[in-house]
Amino acid sequence: MTATLLDPATRFAAEAQASAPSSGGRMTLEERLQGAWHLLHAEGAADCPVCGDEMTFHGGAGECRGCGAKMK
């Protein structure tokens, strides 16, 4: 990881993008998946969009430690 990925401002921007629904209400599935994917790349971890447990990024894919969901 580079220092840029660990910068608090980068994390804040990634979290804001991940939690800002475009519809003004609830997030769509696409928004949840895109937000999780962005955080996986930026931070190496994100909340699983399926169960909410921790999803980690390794080997070019995200994998949830709770439910086993995978993102490629």
PDB file of N, CA and C in Angstrom:
ATOM      1  N   MET A   1       0.838  -1.186   0.000  1.00  0.00           N
ATOM      2  CA  MET A   1       0.000   0.000   0.000  1.00  0.00           C
ATOM      3  C   MET A   1       0.876   1.239   0.000  1.00  0.00           C
ATOM      4  N   THR A   2       0.364   2.278  -0.599  1.00  0.00           N
ATOM      5  CA  THR A   2       1.097   3.528  -0.604  1.00  0.00           C
ATOM      6  C   THR A   2       0.550   4.450   0.468  1.00  0.00           C
ATOM      7  N   ALA A   3       1.303   5.472   0.780  1.00  0.00           N
ATOM      8  CA  ALA A   3       0.869   6.432   1.794  1.00  0.00           C
ATOM      9  C   ALA A   3      -0.432   7.108   1.396  1.00  0.00           C
ATOM     10  N   THR A   4      -0.635   7.322   0.116  1.00  0.00           N
ATOM     11  CA  THR A   4      -1.857   7.966  -0.359  1.00  0.00           C
ATOM     12  C   THR A   4      -3.093   7.169   0.019  1.00  0.00           C
ATOM     13  N   LEU A   5      -3.005   5.851  -0.051  1.00  0.00           N
ATOM     14  CA  LEU A   5      -4.163   5.018   0.274  1.00  0.00           C
ATOM     15  C   LEU A   5      -4.487   5.049   1.763  1.00  0.00           C
ATOM     16  N   LEU A   6      -3.525   5.401   2.581  1.00  0.00           N
ATOM     17  CA  LEU A   6      -3.743   5.441   4.019  1.00  0.00           C
ATOM     18  C   LEU A   6      -4.118   6.834   4.512  1.00  0.00           C
ATOM     19  N   ASP A   7      -4.086   7.825   3.645  1.00  0.00           N
ATOM     20  CA  ASP A   7      -4.396   9.202   3.986  1.00  0.00           C
ATOM     21  C   ASP A   7      -5.845   9.308   4.459  1.00  0.00           C
ATOM     22  N   PRO A   8      -6.097   9.932   5.637  1.00  0.00           N
ATOM     23  CA  PRO A   8      -7.469  10.066   6.144  1.00  0.00           C
ATOM     24  C   PRO A   8      -8.400  10.787   5.176  1.00  0.00           C
ATOM     25  N   ALA A   9      -7.888  11.753   4.423  1.00  0.00           N
ATOM     26  CA  ALA A   9      -8.747  12.469   3.464  1.00  0.00           C
ATOM     27  C   ALA A   9      -9.225  11.527   2.367  1.00  0.00           C
ATOM     28  N   THR A  10      -8.343  10.607   1.943  1.00  0.00           N
ATOM     29  CA  THR A  10      -8.720   9.629   0.929  1.00  0.00           C
ATOM     30  C   THR A  10      -9.806   8.717   1.468  1.00  0.00           C
ATOM     31  N   ARG A  11      -9.648   8.262   2.703  1.00  0.00           N
ATOM     32  CA  ARG A  11     -10.644   7.388   3.321  1.00  0.00           C
ATOM     33  C   ARG A  11     -11.980   8.108   3.441  1.00  0.00           C
ATOM     34  N   PHE A  12     -11.961   9.369   3.869  1.00  0.00           N
ATOM     35  CA  PHE A  12     -13.197  10.124   4.003  1.00  0.00           C
ATOM     36  C   PHE A  12     -13.909  10.244   2.664  1.00  0.00           C
ATOM     37  N   ALA A  13     -13.162  10.550   1.601  1.00  0.00           N
ATOM     38  CA  ALA A  13     -13.763  10.683   0.273  1.00  0.00           C
ATOM     39  C   ALA A  13     -14.356   9.366  -0.191  1.00  0.00           C
ATOM     40  N   ALA A  14     -13.654   8.265   0.064  1.00  0.00           N
ATOM     41  CA  ALA A  14     -14.148   6.952  -0.340  1.00  0.00           C
ATOM     42  C   ALA A  14     -15.410   6.594   0.427  1.00  0.00           C
ATOM     43  N   GLU A  15     -15.437   6.876   1.739  1.00  0.00           N
ATOM     44  CA  GLU A  15     -16.625   6.576   2.540  1.00  0.00           C
ATOM     45  C   GLU A  15     -17.805   7.441   2.112  1.00  0.00           C
ATOM     46  N   ALA A  16     -17.532   8.710   1.806  1.00  0.00           N
ATOM     47  CA  ALA A  16     -18.606   9.605   1.366  1.00  0.00           C
ATOM     48  C   ALA A  16     -19.202   9.117   0.057  1.00  0.00           C
ATOM     49  N   GLN A  17     -18.345   8.697  -0.865  1.00  0.00           N
ATOM     50  CA  GLN A  17     -18.839   8.191  -2.147  1.00  0.00           C
ATOM     51  C   GLN A  17     -19.623   6.896  -1.944  1.00  0.00           C
ATOM     52  N   ALA A  18     -19.151   6.047  -1.032  1.00  0.00           N
ATOM     53  CA  ALA A  18     -19.803   4.765  -0.799  1.00  0.00           C
ATOM     54  C   ALA A  18     -21.153   4.919  -0.119  1.00  0.00           C
ATOM     55  N   SER A  19     -21.354   6.012   0.624  1.00  0.00           N
ATOM     56  CA  SER A  19     -22.585   6.148   1.387  1.00  0.00           C
ATOM     57  C   SER A  19     -23.554   7.182   0.829  1.00  0.00           C
ATOM     58  N   ALA A  20     -23.250   7.780  -0.313  1.00  0.00           N
ATOM     59  CA  ALA A  20     -24.105   8.816  -0.864  1.00  0.00           C
ATOM     60  C   ALA A  20     -25.007   8.260  -1.959  1.00  0.00           C
ATOM     61  N   PRO A  21     -26.269   7.975  -1.637  1.00  0.00           N
ATOM     62  CA  PRO A  21     -27.173   7.460  -2.664  1.00  0.00           C
ATOM     63  C   PRO A  21     -27.513   8.526  -3.692  1.00  0.00           C
ATOM     64  N   SER A  22     -27.500   8.151  -4.959  1.00  0.00           N
ATOM     65  CA  SER A  22     -27.814   9.111  -6.021  1.00  0.00           C
ATOM     66  C   SER A  22     -29.306   9.426  -6.067  1.00  0.00           C
ATOM     67  N   SER A  23     -30.116   8.511  -5.561  1.00  0.00           N
ATOM     68  CA  SER A  23     -31.561   8.694  -5.620  1.00  0.00           C
ATOM     69  C   SER A  23     -32.089   9.583  -4.504  1.00  0.00           C
ATOM     70  N   GLY A  24     -31.215   9.964  -3.550  1.00  0.00           N
ATOM     71  CA  GLY A  24     -31.644  10.794  -2.438  1.00  0.00           C
ATOM     72  C   GLY A  24     -32.276   9.995  -1.313  1.00  0.00           C
ATOM     73  N   GLY A  25     -32.500   8.716  -1.509  1.00  0.00           N
ATOM     74  CA  GLY A  25     -33.085   7.865  -0.480  1.00  0.00           C
ATOM     75  C   GLY A  25     -32.185   6.684  -0.195  1.00  0.00           C
ATOM     76  N   ARG A  26     -32.729   5.504  -0.305  1.00  0.00           N
ATOM     77  CA  ARG A  26     -31.952   4.292  -0.079  1.00  0.00           C
ATOM     78  C   ARG A  26     -30.988   4.052  -1.233  1.00  0.00           C
ATOM     79  N   MET A  27     -29.852   3.429  -0.915  1.00  0.00           N
ATOM     80  CA  MET A  27     -28.863   3.119  -1.946  1.00  0.00           C
ATOM     81  C   MET A  27     -29.351   1.969  -2.811  1.00  0.00           C
ATOM     82  N   THR A  28     -29.066   2.058  -4.093  1.00  0.00           N
ATOM     83  CA  THR A  28     -29.383   0.957  -4.996  1.00  0.00           C
ATOM     84  C   THR A  28     -28.338  -0.141  -4.821  1.00  0.00           C
ATOM     85  N   LEU A  29     -28.610  -1.318  -5.323  1.00  0.00           N
ATOM     86  CA  LEU A  29     -27.640  -2.417  -5.271  1.00  0.00           C
ATOM     87  C   LEU A  29     -26.363  -2.008  -6.004  1.00  0.00           C
ATOM     88  N   GLU A  30     -26.514  -1.384  -7.154  1.00  0.00           N
ATOM     89  CA  GLU A  30     -25.343  -0.947  -7.917  1.00  0.00           C
ATOM     90  C   GLU A  30     -24.480   0.026  -7.111  1.00  0.00           C
ATOM     91  N   GLU A  31     -25.112   0.973  -6.420  1.00  0.00           N
ATOM     92  CA  GLU A  31     -24.374   1.924  -5.591  1.00  0.00           C
ATOM     93  C   GLU A  31     -23.654   1.224  -4.444  1.00  0.00           C
ATOM     94  N   ARG A  32     -24.301   0.239  -3.831  1.00  0.00           N
ATOM     95  CA  ARG A  32     -23.663  -0.512  -2.739  1.00  0.00           C
ATOM     96  C   ARG A  32     -22.447  -1.274  -3.246  1.00  0.00           C
ATOM     97  N   LEU A  33     -22.597  -1.934  -4.384  1.00  0.00           N
ATOM     98  CA  LEU A  33     -21.491  -2.713  -4.943  1.00  0.00           C
ATOM     99  C   LEU A  33     -20.339  -1.810  -5.369  1.00  0.00           C
ATOM    100  N   GLN A  34     -20.647  -0.700  -6.016  1.00  0.00           N
ATOM    101  CA  GLN A  34     -19.604   0.230  -6.442  1.00  0.00           C
ATOM    102  C   GLN A  34     -18.881   0.821  -5.237  1.00  0.00           C
ATOM    103  N   GLY A  35     -19.610   1.175  -4.207  1.00  0.00           N
ATOM    104  CA  GLY A  35     -18.999   1.722  -2.997  1.00  0.00           C
ATOM    105  C   GLY A  35     -18.078   0.722  -2.327  1.00  0.00           C
ATOM    106  N   ALA A  36     -18.533  -0.515  -2.217  1.00  0.00           N
ATOM    107  CA  ALA A  36     -17.705  -1.562  -1.603  1.00  0.00           C
ATOM    108  C   ALA A  36     -16.462  -1.803  -2.449  1.00  0.00           C
ATOM    109  N   TRP A  37     -16.623  -1.852  -3.759  1.00  0.00           N
ATOM    110  CA  TRP A  37     -15.483  -2.096  -4.655  1.00  0.00           C
ATOM    111  C   TRP A  37     -14.464  -0.965  -4.532  1.00  0.00           C
ATOM    112  N   HIS A  38     -14.945   0.267  -4.481  1.00  0.00           N
ATOM    113  CA  HIS A  38     -14.056   1.420  -4.352  1.00  0.00           C
ATOM    114  C   HIS A  38     -13.280   1.348  -3.036  1.00  0.00           C
ATOM    115  N   LEU A  39     -13.953   1.055  -1.944  1.00  0.00           N
ATOM    116  CA  LEU A  39     -13.273   0.958  -0.654  1.00  0.00           C
ATOM    117  C   LEU A  39     -12.306  -0.220  -0.610  1.00  0.00           C
ATOM    118  N   LEU A  40     -12.660  -1.322  -1.238  1.00  0.00           N
ATOM    119  CA  LEU A  40     -11.743  -2.465  -1.279  1.00  0.00           C
ATOM    120  C   LEU A  40     -10.433  -2.063  -1.946  1.00  0.00           C
ATOM    121  N   HIS A  41     -10.523  -1.331  -3.039  1.00  0.00           N
ATOM    122  CA  HIS A  41      -9.317  -0.890  -3.742  1.00  0.00           C
ATOM    123  C   HIS A  41      -8.561   0.168  -2.949  1.00  0.00           C
ATOM    124  N   ALA A  42      -9.268   1.099  -2.346  1.00  0.00           N
ATOM    125  CA  ALA A  42      -8.633   2.212  -1.642  1.00  0.00           C
ATOM    126  C   ALA A  42      -8.069   1.804  -0.281  1.00  0.00           C
ATOM    127  N   GLU A  43      -8.787   0.960   0.435  1.00  0.00           N
ATOM    128  CA  GLU A  43      -8.428   0.633   1.809  1.00  0.00           C
ATOM    129  C   GLU A  43      -8.030  -0.819   2.037  1.00  0.00           C
ATOM    130  N   GLY A  44      -8.402  -1.691   1.114  1.00  0.00           N
ATOM    131  CA  GLY A  44      -8.135  -3.115   1.300  1.00  0.00           C
ATOM    132  C   GLY A  44      -9.216  -3.822   2.094  1.00  0.00           C
ATOM    133  N   ALA A  45     -10.234  -3.075   2.521  1.00  0.00           N
ATOM    134  CA  ALA A  45     -11.346  -3.665   3.280  1.00  0.00           C
ATOM    135  C   ALA A  45     -12.583  -2.784   3.123  1.00  0.00           C
ATOM    136  N   ALA A  46     -13.754  -3.394   3.267  1.00  0.00           N
ATOM    137  CA  ALA A  46     -15.030  -2.677   3.193  1.00  0.00           C
ATOM    138  C   ALA A  46     -16.089  -3.522   3.878  1.00  0.00           C
ATOM    139  N   ASP A  47     -17.220  -2.914   4.162  1.00  0.00           N
ATOM    140  CA  ASP A  47     -18.353  -3.689   4.674  1.00  0.00           C
ATOM    141  C   ASP A  47     -18.923  -4.500   3.525  1.00  0.00           C
ATOM    142  N   CYS A  48     -19.231  -5.748   3.790  1.00  0.00           N
ATOM    143  CA  CYS A  48     -19.817  -6.618   2.781  1.00  0.00           C
ATOM    144  C   CYS A  48     -21.202  -6.086   2.415  1.00  0.00           C
ATOM    145  N   PRO A  49     -21.483  -5.908   1.115  1.00  0.00           N
ATOM    146  CA  PRO A  49     -22.802  -5.415   0.717  1.00  0.00           C
ATOM    147  C   PRO A  49     -23.911  -6.450   0.919  1.00  0.00           C
ATOM    148  N   VAL A  50     -23.553  -7.701   1.210  1.00  0.00           N
ATOM    149  CA  VAL A  50     -24.549  -8.752   1.424  1.00  0.00           C
ATOM    150  C   VAL A  50     -24.928  -8.851   2.903  1.00  0.00           C
ATOM    151  N   CYS A  51     -23.911  -9.028   3.778  1.00  0.00           N
ATOM    152  CA  CYS A  51     -24.205  -9.276   5.193  1.00  0.00           C
ATOM    153  C   CYS A  51     -23.703  -8.198   6.143  1.00  0.00           C
ATOM    154  N   GLY A  52     -22.835  -7.288   5.670  1.00  0.00           N
ATOM    155  CA  GLY A  52     -22.327  -6.214   6.521  1.00  0.00           C
ATOM    156  C   GLY A  52     -21.055  -6.561   7.277  1.00  0.00           C
ATOM    157  N   ASP A  53     -20.596  -7.802   7.237  1.00  0.00           N
ATOM    158  CA  ASP A  53     -19.349  -8.192   7.882  1.00  0.00           C
ATOM    159  C   ASP A  53     -18.177  -7.615   7.079  1.00  0.00           C
ATOM    160  N   GLU A  54     -16.959  -7.859   7.511  1.00  0.00           N
ATOM    161  CA  GLU A  54     -15.795  -7.307   6.825  1.00  0.00           C
ATOM    162  C   GLU A  54     -15.462  -8.093   5.561  1.00  0.00           C
ATOM    163  N   MET A  55     -15.260  -7.349   4.479  1.00  0.00           N
ATOM    164  CA  MET A  55     -14.806  -7.913   3.217  1.00  0.00           C
ATOM    165  C   MET A  55     -13.393  -7.390   2.992  1.00  0.00           C
ATOM    166  N   THR A  56     -12.464  -8.286   2.655  1.00  0.00           N
ATOM    167  CA  THR A  56     -11.085  -7.885   2.419  1.00  0.00           C
ATOM    168  C   THR A  56     -10.708  -8.132   0.965  1.00  0.00           C
ATOM    169  N   PHE A  57      -9.698  -7.394   0.516  1.00  0.00           N
ATOM    170  CA  PHE A  57      -9.250  -7.451  -0.872  1.00  0.00           C
ATOM    171  C   PHE A  57      -7.909  -8.152  -0.942  1.00  0.00           C
ATOM    172  N   HIS A  58      -7.858  -9.226  -1.708  1.00  0.00           N
ATOM    173  CA  HIS A  58      -6.598  -9.918  -1.944  1.00  0.00           C
ATOM    174  C   HIS A  58      -6.718 -10.728  -3.222  1.00  0.00           C
ATOM    175  N   GLY A  59      -5.606 -10.813  -3.947  1.00  0.00           N
ATOM    176  CA  GLY A  59      -5.616 -11.571  -5.196  1.00  0.00           C
ATOM    177  C   GLY A  59      -6.526 -11.006  -6.264  1.00  0.00           C
ATOM    178  N   GLY A  60      -6.784  -9.708  -6.229  1.00  0.00           N
ATOM    179  CA  GLY A  60      -7.626  -9.088  -7.244  1.00  0.00           C
ATOM    180  C   GLY A  60      -9.116  -9.263  -7.023  1.00  0.00           C
ATOM    181  N   ALA A  61      -9.510  -9.764  -5.856  1.00  0.00           N
ATOM    182  CA  ALA A  61     -10.930  -9.973  -5.562  1.00  0.00           C
ATOM    183  C   ALA A  61     -11.214  -9.640  -4.101  1.00  0.00           C
ATOM    184  N   GLY A  62     -12.456  -9.325  -3.822  1.00  0.00           N
ATOM    185  CA  GLY A  62     -12.891  -9.110  -2.449  1.00  0.00           C
ATOM    186  C   GLY A  62     -13.598 -10.353  -1.955  1.00  0.00           C
ATOM    187  N   GLU A  63     -13.386 -10.681  -0.672  1.00  0.00           N
ATOM    188  CA  GLU A  63     -14.049 -11.850  -0.095  1.00  0.00           C
ATOM    189  C   GLU A  63     -14.495 -11.529   1.327  1.00  0.00           C
ATOM    190  N   CYS A  64     -15.746 -11.855   1.621  1.00  0.00           N
ATOM    191  CA  CYS A  64     -16.318 -11.615   2.946  1.00  0.00           C
ATOM    192  C   CYS A  64     -15.930 -12.747   3.885  1.00  0.00           C
ATOM    193  N   ARG A  65     -15.478 -12.382   5.072  1.00  0.00           N
ATOM    194  CA  ARG A  65     -15.117 -13.399   6.057  1.00  0.00           C
ATOM    195  C   ARG A  65     -16.359 -13.983   6.743  1.00  0.00           C
ATOM    196  N   GLY A  66     -17.481 -13.295   6.631  1.00  0.00           N
ATOM    197  CA  GLY A  66     -18.704 -13.748   7.295  1.00  0.00           C
ATOM    198  C   GLY A  66     -19.535 -14.710   6.442  1.00  0.00           C
ATOM    199  N   CYS A  67     -19.975 -14.216   5.279  1.00  0.00           N
ATOM    200  CA  CYS A  67     -20.883 -15.019   4.454  1.00  0.00           C
ATOM    201  C   CYS A  67     -20.194 -15.665   3.248  1.00  0.00           C
ATOM    202  N   GLY A  68     -18.933 -15.274   2.979  1.00  0.00           N
ATOM    203  CA  GLY A  68     -18.207 -15.867   1.868  1.00  0.00           C
ATOM    204  C   GLY A  68     -18.478 -15.237   0.515  1.00  0.00           C
ATOM    205  N   ALA A  69     -19.264 -14.150   0.477  1.00  0.00           N
ATOM    206  CA  ALA A  69     -19.525 -13.468  -0.790  1.00  0.00           C
ATOM    207  C   ALA A  69     -18.211 -13.008  -1.404  1.00  0.00           C
ATOM    208  N   LYS A  70     -18.140 -13.036  -2.745  1.00  0.00           N
ATOM    209  CA  LYS A  70     -16.937 -12.624  -3.442  1.00  0.00           C
ATOM    210  C   LYS A  70     -17.262 -11.588  -4.494  1.00  0.00           C
ATOM    211  N   MET A  71     -16.321 -10.652  -4.685  1.00  0.00           N
ATOM    212  CA  MET A  71     -16.436  -9.621  -5.731  1.00  0.00           C
ATOM    213  C   MET A  71     -15.177  -9.676  -6.573  1.00  0.00           C
ATOM    214  N   LYS A  72     -15.369  -9.709  -7.900  1.00  0.00           N
ATOM    215  CA  LYS A  72     -14.206  -9.690  -8.815  1.00  0.00           C
ATOM    216  C   LYS A  72     -14.337  -8.536  -9.760  1.00  0.00           C
TER     217      LYS A  72
END
